[in-house]
Amino acid sequence: MRRVLGAVAAALVAMVVTATPAMAHNVLVSSDPAKDAALETGPSKVTLTFDAPVQGGDVNQVSVLGPGDTQWAEGEIEISSNVVSVPVRPLGPAGQYRIGYRILSADGHPVTGEIPFTLTAEGTGTPASASAATSPDAAQPAEESGGGVPVWVWIVGAVVLLAIGLTIALRTGREKA
């Protein structure tokens, strides 16, 4: 019985020591404009930089919403490895703006978020038409995607390691008896 307990303890220690971080979804590293920035003039484009490459395709969305939920992003989204950018019309009224995004991360899961910034001086621009919006949904992001492996995977791994430890302990005990 002592050997079985030793094998179980060794298996648990091995599981804890060899555990590595799970492959997580992309994480926003930086943005231009930065979160909560105060700008006197609006940017000509919005750039989002992630920690891993972003998958291409029509599923990626970026929007820039201004006061009154008017759309200011207009044009095609450009993806260059881990950098996503979209052109922005000259901004108009001073006030709070939001960059909303939804991208397809390297592991295939969607990642959403929102970056607020403030235009401190009134601009001369007019909002984009509704059909020019690159993302009607991205400005209202869903819950921020979490990363990691589901709990059930860890439980199955623990059970498998426990079974291996018990098998080794029982076989070792029979050979010496």
C-alpha atoms as a PDB file:
ATOM      1  CA  MET A   1       0.000   0.000   0.000  1.00  0.00           C
ATOM      2  CA  ARG A   2       2.922   2.279   0.754  1.00  0.00           C
ATOM      3  CA  ARG A   3       4.191   1.857  -2.826  1.00  0.00           C
ATOM      4  CA  VAL A   4       0.792   2.736  -4.254  1.00  0.00           C
ATOM      5  CA  LEU A   5       0.656   5.922  -2.228  1.00  0.00           C
ATOM      6  CA  GLY A   6       4.221   6.745  -3.294  1.00  0.00           C
ATOM      7  CA  ALA A   7       3.341   6.217  -6.954  1.00  0.00           C
ATOM      8  CA  VAL A   8       0.229   8.374  -6.632  1.00  0.00           C
ATOM      9  CA  ALA A   9       2.237  11.122  -4.941  1.00  0.00           C
ATOM     10  CA  ALA A  10       4.938  10.902  -7.632  1.00  0.00           C
ATOM     11  CA  ALA A  11       2.304  11.115 -10.384  1.00  0.00           C
ATOM     12  CA  LEU A  12       0.703  14.178  -8.795  1.00  0.00           C
ATOM     13  CA  VAL A  13       4.080  15.887  -8.351  1.00  0.00           C
ATOM     14  CA  ALA A  14       4.990  15.097 -11.971  1.00  0.00           C
ATOM     15  CA  MET A  15       1.689  16.543 -13.157  1.00  0.00           C
ATOM     16  CA  VAL A  16       2.185  19.788 -11.222  1.00  0.00           C
ATOM     17  CA  VAL A  17       5.859  20.191 -12.146  1.00  0.00           C
ATOM     18  CA  THR A  18       5.384  19.524 -15.870  1.00  0.00           C
ATOM     19  CA  ALA A  19       2.216  21.601 -16.267  1.00  0.00           C
ATOM     20  CA  THR A  20       2.738  24.317 -18.856  1.00  0.00           C
ATOM     21  CA  PRO A  21       0.606  27.344 -19.646  1.00  0.00           C
ATOM     22  CA  ALA A  22      -2.230  26.552 -21.986  1.00  0.00           C
ATOM     23  CA  MET A  23      -2.323  28.004 -25.479  1.00  0.00           C
ATOM     24  CA  ALA A  24      -4.264  31.176 -24.985  1.00  0.00           C
ATOM     25  CA  HIS A  25      -6.200  33.320 -27.409  1.00  0.00           C
ATOM     26  CA  ASN A  26      -4.569  36.392 -28.890  1.00  0.00           C
ATOM     27  CA  VAL A  27      -4.115  39.295 -26.515  1.00  0.00           C
ATOM     28  CA  LEU A  28      -4.107  42.939 -27.564  1.00  0.00           C
ATOM     29  CA  VAL A  29      -0.601  44.268 -26.887  1.00  0.00           C
ATOM     30  CA  SER A  30      -1.027  47.871 -28.044  1.00  0.00           C
ATOM     31  CA  SER A  31      -3.239  50.165 -30.072  1.00  0.00           C
ATOM     32  CA  ASP A  32      -2.919  53.425 -31.952  1.00  0.00           C
ATOM     33  CA  PRO A  33      -4.628  55.443 -30.601  1.00  0.00           C
ATOM     34  CA  ALA A  34      -3.882  54.073 -27.156  1.00  0.00           C
ATOM     35  CA  LYS A  35      -6.559  53.241 -24.611  1.00  0.00           C
ATOM     36  CA  ASP A  36      -7.983  56.389 -22.971  1.00  0.00           C
ATOM     37  CA  ALA A  37      -5.814  58.680 -25.139  1.00  0.00           C
ATOM     38  CA  ALA A  38      -6.817  62.346 -25.493  1.00  0.00           C
ATOM     39  CA  LEU A  39      -6.236  63.534 -29.082  1.00  0.00           C
ATOM     40  CA  GLU A  40      -6.532  66.998 -30.595  1.00  0.00           C
ATOM     41  CA  THR A  41      -6.835  65.561 -34.120  1.00  0.00           C
ATOM     42  CA  GLY A  42      -8.267  62.229 -35.142  1.00  0.00           C
ATOM     43  CA  PRO A  43      -6.098  59.409 -36.498  1.00  0.00           C
ATOM     44  CA  SER A  44      -6.125  58.586 -40.230  1.00  0.00           C
ATOM     45  CA  LYS A  45      -6.161  54.890 -39.341  1.00  0.00           C
ATOM     46  CA  VAL A  46      -6.559  52.672 -36.309  1.00  0.00           C
ATOM     47  CA  THR A  47      -3.878  50.060 -35.638  1.00  0.00           C
ATOM     48  CA  LEU A  48      -4.221  47.123 -33.249  1.00  0.00           C
ATOM     49  CA  THR A  49      -1.195  44.971 -32.373  1.00  0.00           C
ATOM     50  CA  PHE A  50      -1.709  41.492 -30.915  1.00  0.00           C
ATOM     51  CA  ASP A  51       0.726  39.040 -29.313  1.00  0.00           C
ATOM     52  CA  ALA A  52       0.286  36.418 -32.059  1.00  0.00           C
ATOM     53  CA  PRO A  53      -0.646  36.425 -35.754  1.00  0.00           C
ATOM     54  CA  VAL A  54      -4.279  37.117 -36.611  1.00  0.00           C
ATOM     55  CA  GLN A  55      -5.982  34.803 -39.069  1.00  0.00           C
ATOM     56  CA  GLY A  56      -7.165  36.451 -42.253  1.00  0.00           C
ATOM     57  CA  GLY A  57     -10.639  36.324 -43.708  1.00  0.00           C
ATOM     58  CA  ASP A  58     -13.904  38.175 -43.682  1.00  0.00           C
ATOM     59  CA  VAL A  59     -14.551  37.367 -40.025  1.00  0.00           C
ATOM     60  CA  ASN A  60     -12.281  40.110 -38.650  1.00  0.00           C
ATOM     61  CA  GLN A  61     -14.099  43.337 -37.781  1.00  0.00           C
ATOM     62  CA  VAL A  62     -12.996  46.758 -36.577  1.00  0.00           C
ATOM     63  CA  SER A  63     -15.188  49.800 -36.036  1.00  0.00           C
ATOM     64  CA  VAL A  64     -14.717  53.310 -34.702  1.00  0.00           C
ATOM     65  CA  LEU A  65     -17.879  54.710 -33.130  1.00  0.00           C
ATOM     66  CA  GLY A  66     -18.161  58.333 -32.104  1.00  0.00           C
ATOM     67  CA  PRO A  67     -20.710  60.446 -30.258  1.00  0.00           C
ATOM     68  CA  GLY A  68     -24.224  59.301 -31.095  1.00  0.00           C
ATOM     69  CA  ASP A  69     -22.846  55.897 -32.188  1.00  0.00           C
ATOM     70  CA  THR A  70     -21.804  57.271 -35.577  1.00  0.00           C
ATOM     71  CA  GLN A  71     -19.397  55.117 -37.610  1.00  0.00           C
ATOM     72  CA  TRP A  72     -16.006  56.592 -38.565  1.00  0.00           C
ATOM     73  CA  ALA A  73     -14.052  53.575 -39.833  1.00  0.00           C
ATOM     74  CA  GLU A  74     -14.308  53.153 -43.583  1.00  0.00           C
ATOM     75  CA  GLY A  75     -12.470  50.763 -45.853  1.00  0.00           C
ATOM     76  CA  GLU A  76     -10.915  47.348 -45.858  1.00  0.00           C
ATOM     77  CA  ILE A  77      -9.252  45.854 -42.814  1.00  0.00           C
ATOM     78  CA  GLU A  78      -5.554  45.185 -43.388  1.00  0.00           C
ATOM     79  CA  ILE A  79      -3.860  42.281 -41.586  1.00  0.00           C
ATOM     80  CA  SER A  80      -0.086  41.924 -41.478  1.00  0.00           C
ATOM     81  CA  SER A  81       0.798  39.016 -39.181  1.00  0.00           C
ATOM     82  CA  ASN A  82      -0.177  40.301 -35.713  1.00  0.00           C
ATOM     83  CA  VAL A  83      -1.084  43.870 -36.772  1.00  0.00           C
ATOM     84  CA  VAL A  84      -4.636  44.794 -37.790  1.00  0.00           C
ATOM     85  CA  SER A  85      -5.460  48.245 -39.170  1.00  0.00           C
ATOM     86  CA  VAL A  86      -8.397  50.047 -40.761  1.00  0.00           C
ATOM     87  CA  PRO A  87      -8.665  53.519 -42.347  1.00  0.00           C
ATOM     88  CA  VAL A  88     -10.642  56.149 -40.435  1.00  0.00           C
ATOM     89  CA  ARG A  89     -12.474  59.149 -41.867  1.00  0.00           C
ATOM     90  CA  PRO A  90     -11.526  62.569 -40.489  1.00  0.00           C
ATOM     91  CA  LEU A  91     -13.291  62.741 -37.125  1.00  0.00           C
ATOM     92  CA  GLY A  92     -16.028  65.267 -36.421  1.00  0.00           C
ATOM     93  CA  PRO A  93     -17.470  66.223 -33.057  1.00  0.00           C
ATOM     94  CA  ALA A  94     -15.297  66.370 -29.965  1.00  0.00           C
ATOM     95  CA  GLY A  95     -16.077  63.697 -27.429  1.00  0.00           C
ATOM     96  CA  GLN A  96     -15.710  60.027 -26.594  1.00  0.00           C
ATOM     97  CA  TYR A  97     -14.904  57.525 -29.379  1.00  0.00           C
ATOM     98  CA  ARG A  98     -14.651  53.728 -29.164  1.00  0.00           C
ATOM     99  CA  ILE A  99     -12.636  51.300 -31.245  1.00  0.00           C
ATOM    100  CA  GLY A 100     -14.434  47.973 -31.239  1.00  0.00           C
ATOM    101  CA  TYR A 101     -12.799  44.849 -32.617  1.00  0.00           C
ATOM    102  CA  ARG A 102     -13.468  41.197 -33.189  1.00  0.00           C
ATOM    103  CA  ILE A 103     -10.614  39.198 -34.672  1.00  0.00           C
ATOM    104  CA  LEU A 104      -9.973  35.519 -35.290  1.00  0.00           C
ATOM    105  CA  SER A 105      -7.049  34.546 -33.062  1.00  0.00           C
ATOM    106  CA  ALA A 106      -4.204  32.226 -34.003  1.00  0.00           C
ATOM    107  CA  ASP A 107      -5.919  29.330 -32.200  1.00  0.00           C
ATOM    108  CA  GLY A 108      -9.155  29.830 -34.131  1.00  0.00           C
ATOM    109  CA  HIS A 109     -11.213  31.528 -31.424  1.00  0.00           C
ATOM    110  CA  PRO A 110     -12.724  35.001 -31.788  1.00  0.00           C
ATOM    111  CA  VAL A 111     -11.295  37.729 -29.557  1.00  0.00           C
ATOM    112  CA  THR A 112     -13.254  40.905 -28.916  1.00  0.00           C
ATOM    113  CA  GLY A 113     -12.567  44.136 -27.116  1.00  0.00           C
ATOM    114  CA  GLU A 114     -13.060  47.862 -26.975  1.00  0.00           C
ATOM    115  CA  ILE A 115     -10.613  50.774 -26.733  1.00  0.00           C
ATOM    116  CA  PRO A 116     -11.964  54.189 -25.730  1.00  0.00           C
ATOM    117  CA  PHE A 117     -10.275  57.458 -26.654  1.00  0.00           C
ATOM    118  CA  THR A 118     -11.305  61.118 -26.607  1.00  0.00           C
ATOM    119  CA  LEU A 119     -11.181  63.747 -29.325  1.00  0.00           C
ATOM    120  CA  THR A 120     -10.586  67.015 -27.467  1.00  0.00           C
ATOM    121  CA  ALA A 121     -11.013  69.445 -30.399  1.00  0.00           C
ATOM    122  CA  GLU A 122     -13.825  69.413 -32.937  1.00  0.00           C
ATOM    123  CA  GLY A 123     -12.852  68.048 -36.339  1.00  0.00           C
ATOM    124  CA  THR A 124     -14.257  68.784 -39.784  1.00  0.00           C
ATOM    125  CA  GLY A 125     -15.202  65.233 -40.804  1.00  0.00           C
ATOM    126  CA  THR A 126     -18.536  63.574 -41.356  1.00  0.00           C
ATOM    127  CA  PRO A 127     -19.452  60.015 -40.348  1.00  0.00           C
ATOM    128  CA  ALA A 128     -19.284  57.103 -42.760  1.00  0.00           C
ATOM    129  CA  SER A 129     -22.466  55.743 -44.257  1.00  0.00           C
ATOM    130  CA  ALA A 130     -24.003  52.736 -42.567  1.00  0.00           C
ATOM    131  CA  SER A 131     -23.003  50.500 -45.506  1.00  0.00           C
ATOM    132  CA  ALA A 132     -19.347  51.552 -45.167  1.00  0.00           C
ATOM    133  CA  ALA A 133     -19.087  50.297 -41.619  1.00  0.00           C
ATOM    134  CA  THR A 134     -16.474  47.594 -41.221  1.00  0.00           C
ATOM    135  CA  SER A 135     -18.198  46.211 -38.169  1.00  0.00           C
ATOM    136  CA  PRO A 136     -21.606  47.032 -36.824  1.00  0.00           C
ATOM    137  CA  ASP A 137     -21.180  44.402 -34.105  1.00  0.00           C
ATOM    138  CA  ALA A 138     -17.567  45.002 -33.108  1.00  0.00           C
ATOM    139  CA  ALA A 139     -18.277  48.233 -31.261  1.00  0.00           C
ATOM    140  CA  GLN A 140     -20.502  46.292 -28.894  1.00  0.00           C
ATOM    141  CA  PRO A 141     -18.059  43.502 -28.055  1.00  0.00           C
ATOM    142  CA  ALA A 142     -19.130  40.349 -26.376  1.00  0.00           C
ATOM    143  CA  GLU A 143     -17.422  39.291 -23.210  1.00  0.00           C
ATOM    144  CA  GLU A 144     -13.635  39.398 -23.520  1.00  0.00           C
ATOM    145  CA  SER A 145     -12.457  35.974 -24.583  1.00  0.00           C
ATOM    146  CA  GLY A 146     -10.596  34.089 -21.924  1.00  0.00           C
ATOM    147  CA  GLY A 147      -7.709  31.829 -22.712  1.00  0.00           C
ATOM    148  CA  GLY A 148      -6.664  28.394 -21.673  1.00  0.00           C
ATOM    149  CA  VAL A 149      -7.666  24.803 -21.706  1.00  0.00           C
ATOM    150  CA  PRO A 150     -11.073  23.720 -20.373  1.00  0.00           C
ATOM    151  CA  VAL A 151     -11.096  22.222 -16.869  1.00  0.00           C
ATOM    152  CA  TRP A 152     -12.223  18.807 -18.096  1.00  0.00           C
ATOM    153  CA  VAL A 153      -8.939  18.384 -20.004  1.00  0.00           C
ATOM    154  CA  TRP A 154      -6.983  18.801 -16.757  1.00  0.00           C
ATOM    155  CA  ILE A 155      -9.234  16.321 -14.959  1.00  0.00           C
ATOM    156  CA  VAL A 156      -8.803  13.706 -17.708  1.00  0.00           C
ATOM    157  CA  GLY A 157      -5.028  14.296 -17.612  1.00  0.00           C
ATOM    158  CA  ALA A 158      -4.954  13.796 -13.847  1.00  0.00           C
ATOM    159  CA  VAL A 159      -6.953  10.574 -14.103  1.00  0.00           C
ATOM    160  CA  VAL A 160      -4.645   9.232 -16.841  1.00  0.00           C
ATOM    161  CA  LEU A 161      -1.520  10.066 -14.799  1.00  0.00           C
ATOM    162  CA  LEU A 162      -3.059   8.455 -11.740  1.00  0.00           C
ATOM    163  CA  ALA A 163      -3.865   5.296 -13.714  1.00  0.00           C
ATOM    164  CA  ILE A 164      -0.306   5.137 -15.072  1.00  0.00           C
ATOM    165  CA  GLY A 165       1.139   5.607 -11.579  1.00  0.00           C
ATOM    166  CA  LEU A 166      -1.062   2.872 -10.113  1.00  0.00           C
ATOM    167  CA  THR A 167      -0.206   0.488 -12.934  1.00  0.00           C
ATOM    168  CA  ILE A 168       3.521   1.026 -12.457  1.00  0.00           C
ATOM    169  CA  ALA A 169       3.227   0.661  -8.681  1.00  0.00           C
ATOM    170  CA  LEU A 170       1.230  -2.549  -8.899  1.00  0.00           C
ATOM    171  CA  ARG A 171       3.543  -4.119 -11.490  1.00  0.00           C
ATOM    172  CA  THR A 172       6.654  -3.181  -9.506  1.00  0.00           C
ATOM    173  CA  GLY A 173       5.146  -4.698  -6.372  1.00  0.00           C
ATOM    174  CA  ARG A 174       4.325  -8.034  -8.099  1.00  0.00           C
ATOM    175  CA  GLU A 175       7.785  -8.439  -9.603  1.00  0.00           C
ATOM    176  CA  LYS A 176       9.538  -8.212  -6.194  1.00  0.00           C
ATOM    177  CA  ALA A 177       7.089 -10.470  -4.332  1.00  0.00           C
END
